[in-house]
């Protein structure tokens, strides 16, 4: 939990504030710090502990923010030896903000264009004020014609109002098929196990995803809440106090906000239960009930559950992933026996969040975009949505044409050739072990699966990156 800071920050803050959470976000959290009497104490009997009587779980009172911009917080600038200032802006009256086109060392933009993420003559949407764009004016070449600056409305607001878009949506310099950049309110909550080592991959992946979110909300930091729960035992006093605080923050938003819950811990390979303490395991349902008020989750406009756990979970507890969709819009888990949290976070979750959460690309398209060759060669991905579960799995023609490694004598078989058989192509594999049993054929003929409506869909072709989506 962030430590409250005074209204007038010190001229030289501690070094750790420059490495972790920006100071203007610490002030924002401090302004919303609930009193101890308003923090909800929840029943933890599901995790094998004694029941704690619950107090009134009403929404915490929020300290009223002053109706003026917060003074700049001067931070050291290692490049020039000077300082620069973070400023929180409250938009009122004119929505026009002048920002340098080229950001020099030692300068921080007040707002960035969500099309090109650059400065220039920047203005917010006159309707929602959460979307910004740069305009062609005063010698600056912007994404939107300058005559639209004063009463400009973003594409989403125009679509919601049923009005045509009177300008060409810019080609995005960040690439892909993002439909603008959304900065609608977001809560991202990273829950991960502390392995007590200096290099914790779970913590590194959590900070990476948080840093990406901070970058997307440079112009609108008050719309982002980044929460963490680093635990050694979810049922100890320290974790319960942090859980209560995080619950109070989640309770404040709802409805107009989006929510991302990321749980990064070990899964028991024998029954799929999740680690919540040293040698202690519990079901996903029990852990979710302990750390969240699930009735509140259903009030969010969109909510996502990402489970970065080993494959024992999906092997034995796939029904729990499916049942989680009664609270979450979508849930994702991974099937590898030993999941690399850094790989799936940097390659899969990062891309999914960038294109769907921020880039407004449809969820299914963003999922396929995120399922890259690097991810597919490491793990299958399970996606639960509306009480259905599908699986993305690699089906490389020369190794696993049907999504399962072709093996013989406990080793991968050698691909030999592809031959037509009864009008279909058949992949031929041969055992490469010298100790292969005599009298048993070394050759295997694998007939690759084909598309089947409502069952599976094959993507890619022989010789290229090939994978399939199937319902499980």
Protein backbone atom coordinates (compact mmCIF):
# COMPACT_ATOMS: atom_id res chain seq x y z
CA UNK A 1 0.00 0.00 0.00
CA UNK A 2 1.31 3.38 -1.00
CA UNK A 3 2.47 5.63 1.80
CA UNK A 4 0.57 8.94 2.03
CA UNK A 5 2.67 11.87 0.91
CA UNK A 6 2.32 15.52 1.85
CA UNK A 7 0.62 18.01 -0.48
CA UNK A 8 3.95 19.78 -0.97
CA UNK A 9 6.44 17.11 -2.15
CA UNK A 10 10.12 17.32 -1.31
CA UNK A 11 12.37 18.83 -3.95
CA UNK A 12 14.46 15.65 -4.14
CA UNK A 13 12.33 12.52 -3.66
CA UNK A 14 13.85 9.15 -2.75
CA UNK A 15 15.34 7.16 -5.58
CA UNK A 16 12.78 4.36 -5.30
CA UNK A 17 9.97 6.74 -6.24
CA UNK A 18 11.70 7.31 -9.57
CA UNK A 19 11.99 3.60 -10.25
CA UNK A 20 8.50 2.38 -9.30
CA UNK A 21 5.27 4.37 -9.30
CA UNK A 22 5.32 7.99 -10.57
CA UNK A 23 4.85 10.53 -7.79
CA UNK A 24 1.67 12.01 -9.22
CA UNK A 25 0.07 8.57 -8.96
CA UNK A 26 1.22 8.22 -5.36
CA UNK A 27 -0.54 11.49 -4.52
CA UNK A 28 -3.66 10.24 -6.27
CA UNK A 29 -3.61 7.02 -4.23
CA UNK A 30 -2.93 8.94 -1.02
CA UNK A 31 -5.99 11.13 -1.64
CA UNK A 32 -8.11 8.01 -1.82
CA UNK A 33 -6.60 6.14 1.10
CA UNK A 34 -9.53 4.76 3.15
CA UNK A 35 -9.44 4.77 6.90
CA UNK A 36 -8.84 1.51 8.67
CA UNK A 37 -12.45 1.39 9.85
CA UNK A 38 -13.75 1.38 6.29
CA UNK A 39 -11.51 -1.42 5.02
CA UNK A 40 -13.60 -4.54 4.56
CA UNK A 41 -12.48 -7.60 6.54
CA UNK A 42 -13.63 -10.64 4.62
CA UNK A 43 -14.16 -14.28 5.54
CA UNK A 44 -11.02 -16.29 4.79
CA UNK A 45 -12.30 -19.69 5.89
CA UNK A 46 -11.97 -20.87 2.28
CA UNK A 47 -8.20 -20.77 2.67
CA UNK A 48 -8.11 -22.89 5.78
CA UNK A 49 -7.93 -20.05 8.33
CA UNK A 50 -10.20 -18.95 11.12
CA UNK A 51 -13.21 -16.87 10.17
CA UNK A 52 -12.79 -13.15 10.77
CA UNK A 53 -16.02 -11.29 11.57
CA UNK A 54 -16.83 -8.89 8.76
CA UNK A 55 -17.54 -5.24 9.30
CA UNK A 56 -19.77 -3.00 7.27
CA UNK A 57 -18.51 -3.25 3.67
CA UNK A 58 -19.75 0.06 2.44
CA UNK A 59 -17.82 2.04 -0.14
CA UNK A 60 -14.94 3.96 1.45
CA UNK A 61 -15.24 7.68 1.70
CA UNK A 62 -13.05 9.50 -0.77
CA UNK A 63 -11.27 12.69 0.08
CA UNK A 64 -12.39 15.44 -2.22
CA UNK A 65 -9.67 16.50 -4.65
CA UNK A 66 -8.98 20.22 -4.95
CA UNK A 67 -10.32 21.79 -8.13
CA UNK A 68 -6.97 22.93 -9.38
CA UNK A 69 -3.89 21.48 -10.97
CA UNK A 70 -1.42 19.87 -8.60
CA UNK A 71 1.89 21.67 -8.38
CA UNK A 72 4.67 20.20 -10.45
CA UNK A 73 6.80 17.59 -8.70
CA UNK A 74 10.44 18.33 -9.57
CA UNK A 75 12.46 15.18 -10.19
CA UNK A 76 16.17 14.95 -10.96
CA UNK A 77 17.12 14.77 -14.61
CA UNK A 78 20.23 12.64 -14.99
CA UNK A 79 20.79 13.75 -18.58
CA UNK A 80 21.05 17.50 -17.95
CA UNK A 81 21.46 17.78 -14.23
CA UNK A 82 18.30 19.90 -14.08
CA UNK A 83 14.77 18.87 -13.30
CA UNK A 84 11.41 18.41 -14.94
CA UNK A 85 7.88 18.41 -13.53
CA UNK A 86 5.00 15.98 -13.57
CA UNK A 87 1.68 17.87 -13.61
CA UNK A 88 -1.86 16.62 -13.21
CA UNK A 89 -4.28 18.66 -15.31
CA UNK A 90 -8.00 19.10 -14.80
CA UNK A 91 -9.59 19.92 -18.11
CA UNK A 92 -12.10 22.73 -17.99
CA UNK A 93 -13.12 25.37 -20.48
CA UNK A 94 -11.00 25.08 -23.62
CA UNK A 95 -9.83 21.59 -24.49
CA UNK A 96 -6.74 22.88 -26.33
CA UNK A 97 -3.30 22.03 -24.94
CA UNK A 98 -0.06 23.15 -26.58
CA UNK A 99 2.69 20.54 -26.44
CA UNK A 100 6.11 20.64 -28.14
CA UNK A 101 6.21 18.44 -31.23
CA UNK A 102 9.66 17.14 -30.35
CA UNK A 103 10.03 16.31 -26.67
CA UNK A 104 13.47 17.37 -25.59
CA UNK A 105 15.38 15.59 -22.85
CA UNK A 106 14.05 16.81 -19.52
CA UNK A 107 10.50 17.51 -20.78
CA UNK A 108 7.38 15.47 -20.05
CA UNK A 109 4.29 15.80 -22.24
CA UNK A 110 1.07 16.88 -20.57
CA UNK A 111 -0.89 14.97 -23.18
CA UNK A 112 -0.04 12.74 -26.12
CA UNK A 113 -1.93 11.98 -29.30
CA UNK A 114 -3.57 8.57 -29.09
CA UNK A 115 -3.12 8.07 -32.83
CA UNK A 116 0.62 8.70 -33.13
CA UNK A 117 1.63 9.14 -29.44
CA UNK A 118 3.42 12.39 -30.25
CA UNK A 119 3.06 15.99 -29.11
CA UNK A 120 2.25 19.07 -31.23
CA UNK A 121 -1.03 21.01 -31.10
CA UNK A 122 -2.96 18.54 -28.95
CA UNK A 123 -6.62 18.71 -27.94
CA UNK A 124 -8.88 16.40 -26.02
CA UNK A 125 -12.26 15.20 -27.22
CA UNK A 126 -14.83 17.92 -26.45
CA UNK A 127 -17.29 15.24 -25.32
CA UNK A 128 -15.43 12.68 -23.19
CA UNK A 129 -12.06 14.49 -22.63
CA UNK A 130 -10.40 11.06 -22.29
CA UNK A 131 -9.24 10.83 -25.90
CA UNK A 132 -6.63 13.19 -27.37
CA UNK A 133 -5.32 13.91 -30.85
CA UNK A 134 -2.81 16.26 -32.47
CA UNK A 135 -3.92 18.82 -35.08
CA UNK A 136 -2.34 20.55 -38.05
CA UNK A 137 -1.87 24.10 -36.72
CA UNK A 138 0.82 26.70 -35.99
CA UNK A 139 3.32 25.01 -38.26
CA UNK A 140 2.79 21.54 -36.78
CA UNK A 141 1.68 18.63 -38.98
CA UNK A 142 -0.95 16.74 -37.02
CA UNK A 143 -3.18 13.70 -37.42
CA UNK A 144 -6.46 15.74 -37.64
CA UNK A 145 -7.19 18.89 -39.73
CA UNK A 146 -6.71 22.04 -37.66
CA UNK A 147 -10.17 23.49 -38.33
CA UNK A 148 -11.73 20.70 -36.26
CA UNK A 149 -9.70 21.46 -33.13
CA UNK A 150 -12.17 23.56 -31.10
CA UNK A 151 -15.14 21.18 -31.23
CA UNK A 152 -13.39 17.95 -32.12
CA UNK A 153 -14.98 14.67 -31.05
CA UNK A 154 -13.24 11.31 -31.00
CA UNK A 155 -14.41 8.42 -33.22
CA UNK A 156 -15.93 6.52 -30.30
CA UNK A 157 -18.12 9.43 -29.14
CA UNK A 158 -19.31 10.02 -32.70
CA UNK A 159 -20.15 6.36 -33.11
CA UNK A 160 -21.99 6.23 -29.78
CA UNK A 161 -24.03 9.26 -30.89
CA UNK A 162 -24.79 7.66 -34.24
CA UNK A 163 -23.06 10.45 -36.17
CA UNK A 164 -20.71 10.10 -39.16
CA UNK A 165 -16.99 10.70 -38.67
CA UNK A 166 -16.18 13.92 -40.58
CA UNK A 167 -12.45 13.20 -40.91
CA UNK A 168 -10.23 10.35 -42.03
CA UNK A 169 -9.11 8.19 -39.12
CA UNK A 170 -5.32 8.52 -39.22
CA UNK A 171 -2.96 5.73 -40.15
CA UNK A 172 -1.44 4.77 -36.84
CA UNK A 173 2.30 5.03 -36.54
CA UNK A 174 2.22 2.29 -33.92
CA UNK A 175 1.09 -0.14 -36.63
CA UNK A 176 -1.50 -2.88 -36.76
CA UNK A 177 -5.24 -2.43 -36.97
CA UNK A 178 -5.84 -0.44 -33.81
CA UNK A 179 -8.92 1.76 -34.03
CA UNK A 180 -7.41 4.71 -32.18
CA UNK A 181 -6.05 4.48 -28.66
CA UNK A 182 -8.46 4.16 -25.75
CA UNK A 183 -7.72 5.72 -22.37
CA UNK A 184 -11.03 4.81 -20.75
CA UNK A 185 -10.68 4.14 -16.99
CA UNK A 186 -8.76 0.96 -16.19
CA UNK A 187 -7.83 -0.98 -13.07
CA UNK A 188 -5.01 -3.52 -13.48
CA UNK A 189 -4.39 -5.80 -10.48
CA UNK A 190 -1.27 -8.02 -10.42
CA UNK A 191 -1.29 -10.82 -7.82
CA UNK A 192 1.90 -12.87 -7.73
CA UNK A 193 3.79 -15.22 -5.45
CA UNK A 194 7.01 -13.98 -3.84
CA UNK A 195 9.66 -16.66 -4.34
CA UNK A 196 12.10 -14.78 -2.02
CA UNK A 197 14.74 -14.64 -4.76
CA UNK A 198 16.34 -11.47 -6.08
CA UNK A 199 15.22 -12.34 -9.63
CA UNK A 200 11.48 -12.99 -9.54
CA UNK A 201 10.09 -13.54 -13.08
CA UNK A 202 6.53 -13.07 -11.82
CA UNK A 203 7.36 -9.65 -10.37
CA UNK A 204 9.29 -8.64 -13.49
CA UNK A 205 6.34 -9.53 -15.75
CA UNK A 206 3.94 -7.62 -13.48
CA UNK A 207 6.07 -4.47 -13.62
CA UNK A 208 6.40 -4.76 -17.38
CA UNK A 209 2.62 -4.80 -17.91
CA UNK A 210 2.17 -1.96 -15.42
CA UNK A 211 4.80 0.13 -17.20
CA UNK A 212 2.96 -0.33 -20.49
CA UNK A 213 -0.25 0.89 -18.85
CA UNK A 214 1.51 3.97 -17.43
CA UNK A 215 2.75 4.77 -20.92
CA UNK A 216 -0.76 4.63 -22.35
CA UNK A 217 -2.12 6.98 -19.67
CA UNK A 218 0.52 9.73 -19.78
CA UNK A 219 -2.16 12.23 -20.82
CA UNK A 220 -4.84 10.89 -18.47
CA UNK A 221 -3.14 9.34 -15.39
CA UNK A 222 -6.17 9.70 -13.14
CA UNK A 223 -8.01 7.09 -15.23
CA UNK A 224 -5.50 4.36 -14.30
CA UNK A 225 -5.21 2.43 -11.05
CA UNK A 226 -2.34 -0.09 -10.96
CA UNK A 227 -2.61 -2.42 -7.96
CA UNK A 228 -0.23 -5.12 -6.76
CA UNK A 229 -0.38 -7.95 -4.27
CA UNK A 230 2.99 -9.61 -3.74
CA UNK A 231 2.37 -12.46 -1.31
CA UNK A 232 4.06 -15.28 0.52
CA UNK A 233 0.78 -16.34 2.15
CA UNK A 234 -2.56 -14.88 1.09
CA UNK A 235 -4.01 -15.63 4.51
CA UNK A 236 -1.45 -13.77 6.65
CA UNK A 237 -2.11 -10.36 8.21
CA UNK A 238 0.03 -8.38 5.79
CA UNK A 239 -1.71 -9.82 2.74
CA UNK A 240 -5.18 -9.36 4.24
CA UNK A 241 -4.48 -5.68 4.88
CA UNK A 242 -3.32 -5.17 1.29
CA UNK A 243 -6.31 -7.14 -0.03
CA UNK A 244 -8.70 -4.88 1.90
CA UNK A 245 -7.11 -1.75 0.48
CA UNK A 246 -7.15 -3.10 -3.08
CA UNK A 247 -10.80 -4.10 -2.67
CA UNK A 248 -11.69 -0.57 -1.69
CA UNK A 249 -10.03 0.82 -4.84
CA UNK A 250 -11.83 -1.71 -7.05
CA UNK A 251 -15.11 -0.81 -5.37
CA UNK A 252 -14.72 2.86 -6.36
CA UNK A 253 -14.80 2.28 -10.10
CA UNK A 254 -17.22 -0.29 -11.62
CA UNK A 255 -19.60 0.39 -14.51
CA UNK A 256 -17.58 2.91 -16.57
CA UNK A 257 -14.23 1.17 -15.96
CA UNK A 258 -12.41 -1.88 -17.23
CA UNK A 259 -10.69 -4.40 -14.95
CA UNK A 260 -7.74 -6.74 -15.51
CA UNK A 261 -6.87 -9.34 -12.86
CA UNK A 262 -3.56 -11.20 -13.35
CA UNK A 263 -2.78 -14.11 -11.01
CA UNK A 264 0.78 -15.40 -11.31
CA UNK A 265 1.51 -18.41 -9.12
CA UNK A 266 2.24 -22.13 -9.20
CA UNK A 267 -0.32 -24.84 -9.89
CA UNK A 268 -0.26 -28.26 -8.26
CA UNK A 269 0.55 -30.76 -11.06
CA UNK A 270 -1.50 -33.45 -9.29
CA UNK A 271 -4.86 -31.67 -8.89
CA UNK A 272 -4.55 -28.21 -10.47
CA UNK A 273 -5.05 -26.23 -7.26
CA UNK A 274 -3.19 -22.92 -6.98
CA UNK A 275 -0.42 -22.08 -4.52
CA UNK A 276 -1.38 -19.36 -2.01
CA UNK A 277 1.23 -20.02 0.70
CA UNK A 278 4.21 -22.22 1.45
CA UNK A 279 2.94 -25.73 0.72
CA UNK A 280 -0.66 -24.45 0.73
CA UNK A 281 -3.00 -24.85 -2.23
CA UNK A 282 -6.59 -23.83 -2.87
CA UNK A 283 -9.07 -23.82 -5.74
CA UNK A 284 -9.37 -20.84 -8.08
CA UNK A 285 -12.85 -20.15 -6.76
CA UNK A 286 -11.59 -19.98 -3.17
CA UNK A 287 -8.72 -17.64 -4.07
CA UNK A 288 -10.93 -15.33 -6.14
CA UNK A 289 -13.47 -15.12 -3.31
CA UNK A 290 -10.68 -14.29 -0.87
CA UNK A 291 -9.01 -11.49 -2.81
CA UNK A 292 -12.06 -9.99 -4.57
CA UNK A 293 -15.66 -9.04 -3.98
CA UNK A 294 -16.99 -11.01 -6.94
CA UNK A 295 -20.35 -9.25 -6.90
CA UNK A 296 -18.50 -6.00 -7.67
CA UNK A 297 -16.61 -7.53 -10.63
CA UNK A 298 -19.87 -8.10 -12.51
CA UNK A 299 -20.54 -4.34 -12.43
CA UNK A 300 -17.46 -3.51 -14.51
CA UNK A 301 -18.02 -2.70 -18.16
CA UNK A 302 -15.35 -5.22 -19.14
CA UNK A 303 -13.31 -7.52 -16.93
CA UNK A 304 -10.54 -9.96 -17.72
CA UNK A 305 -8.87 -12.75 -15.74
CA UNK A 306 -5.37 -13.83 -16.82
CA UNK A 307 -3.97 -16.90 -15.06
CA UNK A 308 -0.21 -17.27 -15.47
CA UNK A 309 0.06 -20.74 -13.96
CA UNK A 310 1.45 -24.09 -15.03
CA UNK A 311 -0.54 -26.58 -17.06
CA UNK A 312 -1.72 -28.60 -14.09
CA UNK A 313 -4.50 -26.05 -13.67
CA UNK A 314 -6.10 -26.51 -17.10
CA UNK A 315 -5.52 -30.27 -16.92
CA UNK A 316 -7.54 -30.75 -13.74
CA UNK A 317 -9.49 -27.53 -13.13
CA UNK A 318 -10.70 -26.47 -16.57
CA UNK A 319 -14.27 -26.23 -15.27
CA UNK A 320 -13.14 -23.56 -12.80
CA UNK A 321 -11.79 -21.49 -15.68
CA UNK A 322 -15.14 -21.83 -17.41
CA UNK A 323 -17.14 -20.96 -14.28
CA UNK A 324 -15.05 -17.80 -13.75
CA UNK A 325 -16.83 -16.28 -16.75
CA UNK A 326 -19.94 -15.81 -14.63
CA UNK A 327 -18.00 -12.84 -13.19
CA UNK A 328 -15.43 -11.99 -15.88
CA UNK A 329 -15.99 -11.10 -19.52
CA UNK A 330 -13.13 -13.40 -20.56
CA UNK A 331 -10.55 -15.60 -18.85
CA UNK A 332 -7.22 -16.91 -20.17
CA UNK A 333 -4.92 -19.68 -18.92
CA UNK A 334 -1.90 -21.54 -20.30
CA UNK A 335 -1.31 -25.23 -20.89
CA UNK A 336 2.48 -25.76 -20.71
CA UNK A 337 3.72 -28.03 -17.95
CA UNK A 338 6.06 -25.24 -16.83
CA UNK A 339 4.95 -21.79 -17.99
CA UNK A 340 7.53 -19.03 -18.41
CA UNK A 341 5.78 -15.95 -16.96
CA UNK A 342 8.10 -13.51 -18.73
CA UNK A 343 7.58 -15.09 -22.13
CA UNK A 344 3.77 -15.25 -21.94
CA UNK A 345 3.60 -11.74 -20.45
CA UNK A 346 5.92 -10.05 -22.95
CA UNK A 347 4.81 -11.95 -26.05
CA UNK A 348 1.14 -12.75 -25.44
CA UNK A 349 -0.46 -10.62 -22.72
CA UNK A 350 1.43 -7.46 -23.75
CA UNK A 351 0.17 -7.75 -27.35
CA UNK A 352 -3.36 -8.68 -26.30
CA UNK A 353 -3.64 -5.68 -23.98
CA UNK A 354 -2.01 -3.29 -26.46
CA UNK A 355 -4.34 -4.20 -29.32
CA UNK A 356 -7.59 -4.98 -27.49
CA UNK A 357 -7.59 -3.01 -24.24
CA UNK A 358 -5.92 0.10 -25.65
CA UNK A 359 -6.13 -0.36 -29.41
CA UNK A 360 -9.86 -1.19 -29.53
CA UNK A 361 -9.31 -4.22 -31.77
CA UNK A 362 -11.95 -6.99 -31.34
CA UNK A 363 -10.98 -9.53 -28.68
CA UNK A 364 -10.80 -12.56 -30.98
CA UNK A 365 -8.60 -10.76 -33.51
CA UNK A 366 -6.26 -9.52 -30.77
CA UNK A 367 -5.98 -13.05 -29.34
CA UNK A 368 -4.92 -14.48 -32.71
CA UNK A 369 -2.48 -11.61 -33.20
CA UNK A 370 -0.93 -12.30 -29.78
CA UNK A 371 -0.58 -16.04 -30.42
CA UNK A 372 2.80 -15.72 -32.12
CA UNK A 373 5.18 -18.48 -33.08
CA UNK A 374 7.28 -17.81 -29.97
CA UNK A 375 4.23 -18.35 -27.76
CA UNK A 376 2.88 -21.33 -29.71
CA UNK A 377 6.18 -23.22 -29.49
CA UNK A 378 6.09 -22.81 -25.70
CA UNK A 379 2.48 -23.28 -24.62
CA UNK A 380 -1.11 -23.72 -25.67
CA UNK A 381 -3.56 -20.98 -24.64
CA UNK A 382 -7.03 -21.59 -23.19
CA UNK A 383 -9.67 -18.88 -23.65
CA UNK A 384 -12.93 -18.97 -21.70
CA UNK A 385 -15.78 -16.76 -22.84
CA UNK A 386 -19.51 -17.01 -22.15
CA UNK A 387 -19.22 -20.47 -20.52
CA UNK A 388 -17.28 -21.89 -23.49
CA UNK A 389 -13.61 -22.81 -23.52
CA UNK A 390 -11.44 -22.89 -26.62
CA UNK A 391 -7.80 -23.75 -27.05
CA UNK A 392 -5.11 -22.32 -29.33
CA UNK A 393 -2.42 -24.91 -29.99
CA UNK A 394 0.44 -25.21 -32.42
CA UNK A 395 0.09 -27.90 -35.10
CA UNK A 396 3.35 -27.66 -37.06
CA UNK A 397 3.13 -30.01 -40.02
CA UNK A 398 6.59 -31.51 -39.53
CA UNK A 399 6.35 -32.04 -35.78
CA UNK A 400 2.77 -32.18 -34.48
CA UNK A 401 0.27 -31.92 -37.38
CA UNK A 402 -2.67 -32.60 -35.05
CA UNK A 403 -1.49 -30.58 -32.06
CA UNK A 404 0.24 -33.53 -30.35
CA UNK A 405 3.95 -34.30 -30.70
CA UNK A 406 4.59 -37.38 -32.86
CA UNK A 407 6.77 -39.63 -30.71
CA UNK A 408 8.18 -43.12 -30.73
CA UNK A 409 10.32 -44.73 -28.03
CA UNK A 410 9.76 -41.61 -25.90
CA UNK A 411 11.54 -39.36 -28.40
CA UNK A 412 10.23 -37.12 -31.20
CA UNK A 413 9.89 -39.05 -34.45
CA UNK A 414 11.60 -37.83 -37.63
CA UNK A 415 9.45 -36.30 -40.34
CA UNK A 416 10.05 -38.12 -43.62
CA UNK A 417 7.64 -36.89 -46.25
CA UNK A 418 4.05 -36.08 -47.14
CA UNK A 419 2.22 -38.43 -49.49
CA UNK A 420 -1.33 -38.43 -50.87
CA UNK A 421 -3.53 -41.17 -49.49
CA UNK A 422 -7.19 -41.61 -50.47
CA UNK A 423 -7.35 -38.04 -51.72
CA UNK A 424 -5.76 -36.56 -48.58
CA UNK A 425 -2.22 -35.59 -47.69
CA UNK A 426 -0.67 -37.81 -45.05
CA UNK A 427 2.46 -36.93 -43.03
CA UNK A 428 4.93 -39.78 -42.62
CA UNK A 429 7.16 -40.05 -39.55
CA UNK A 430 9.85 -42.58 -38.64
CA UNK A 431 11.36 -43.54 -35.29
CA UNK A 432 15.01 -42.52 -35.04
CA UNK A 433 15.98 -44.64 -32.01
CA UNK A 434 18.40 -47.53 -32.54
CA UNK A 435 16.83 -49.37 -29.61
CA UNK A 436 13.43 -49.52 -31.36
CA UNK A 437 11.82 -52.94 -30.63
CA UNK A 438 12.29 -55.51 -33.35
CA UNK A 439 9.16 -56.59 -35.18
CA UNK A 440 7.41 -53.26 -34.51
CA UNK A 441 7.09 -50.83 -37.41
CA UNK A 442 9.11 -47.66 -37.19
CA UNK A 443 6.82 -45.72 -39.50
CA UNK A 444 3.75 -43.69 -38.47
CA UNK A 445 1.19 -42.25 -40.89
CA UNK A 446 -0.55 -39.16 -39.52
CA UNK A 447 -3.63 -37.79 -41.26
CA UNK A 448 -3.84 -34.11 -40.28
CA UNK A 449 -7.14 -32.83 -38.95
CA UNK A 450 -9.25 -30.58 -41.13
CA UNK A 451 -11.57 -27.67 -40.37
CA UNK A 452 -14.84 -28.70 -38.77
CA UNK A 453 -17.64 -26.19 -38.16
CA UNK A 454 -18.21 -25.63 -34.45
CA UNK A 455 -15.30 -27.89 -33.52
CA UNK A 456 -11.98 -26.58 -34.86
CA UNK A 457 -10.40 -24.13 -37.27
CA UNK A 458 -6.93 -24.52 -38.80
CA UNK A 459 -4.79 -21.41 -39.39
CA UNK A 460 -1.68 -21.29 -41.56
CA UNK A 461 -0.48 -23.93 -44.01
CA UNK A 462 2.18 -26.56 -44.47
CA UNK A 463 5.65 -25.02 -44.33
CA UNK A 464 4.43 -21.91 -42.45
CA UNK A 465 3.42 -21.16 -38.88
CA UNK A 466 0.41 -23.43 -38.42
CA UNK A 467 -1.94 -23.65 -35.45
CA UNK A 468 -5.55 -24.45 -34.68
CA UNK A 469 -8.36 -23.24 -32.48
CA UNK A 470 -10.63 -25.92 -31.07
CA UNK A 471 -13.34 -26.09 -28.45
CA UNK A 472 -12.54 -28.25 -25.44
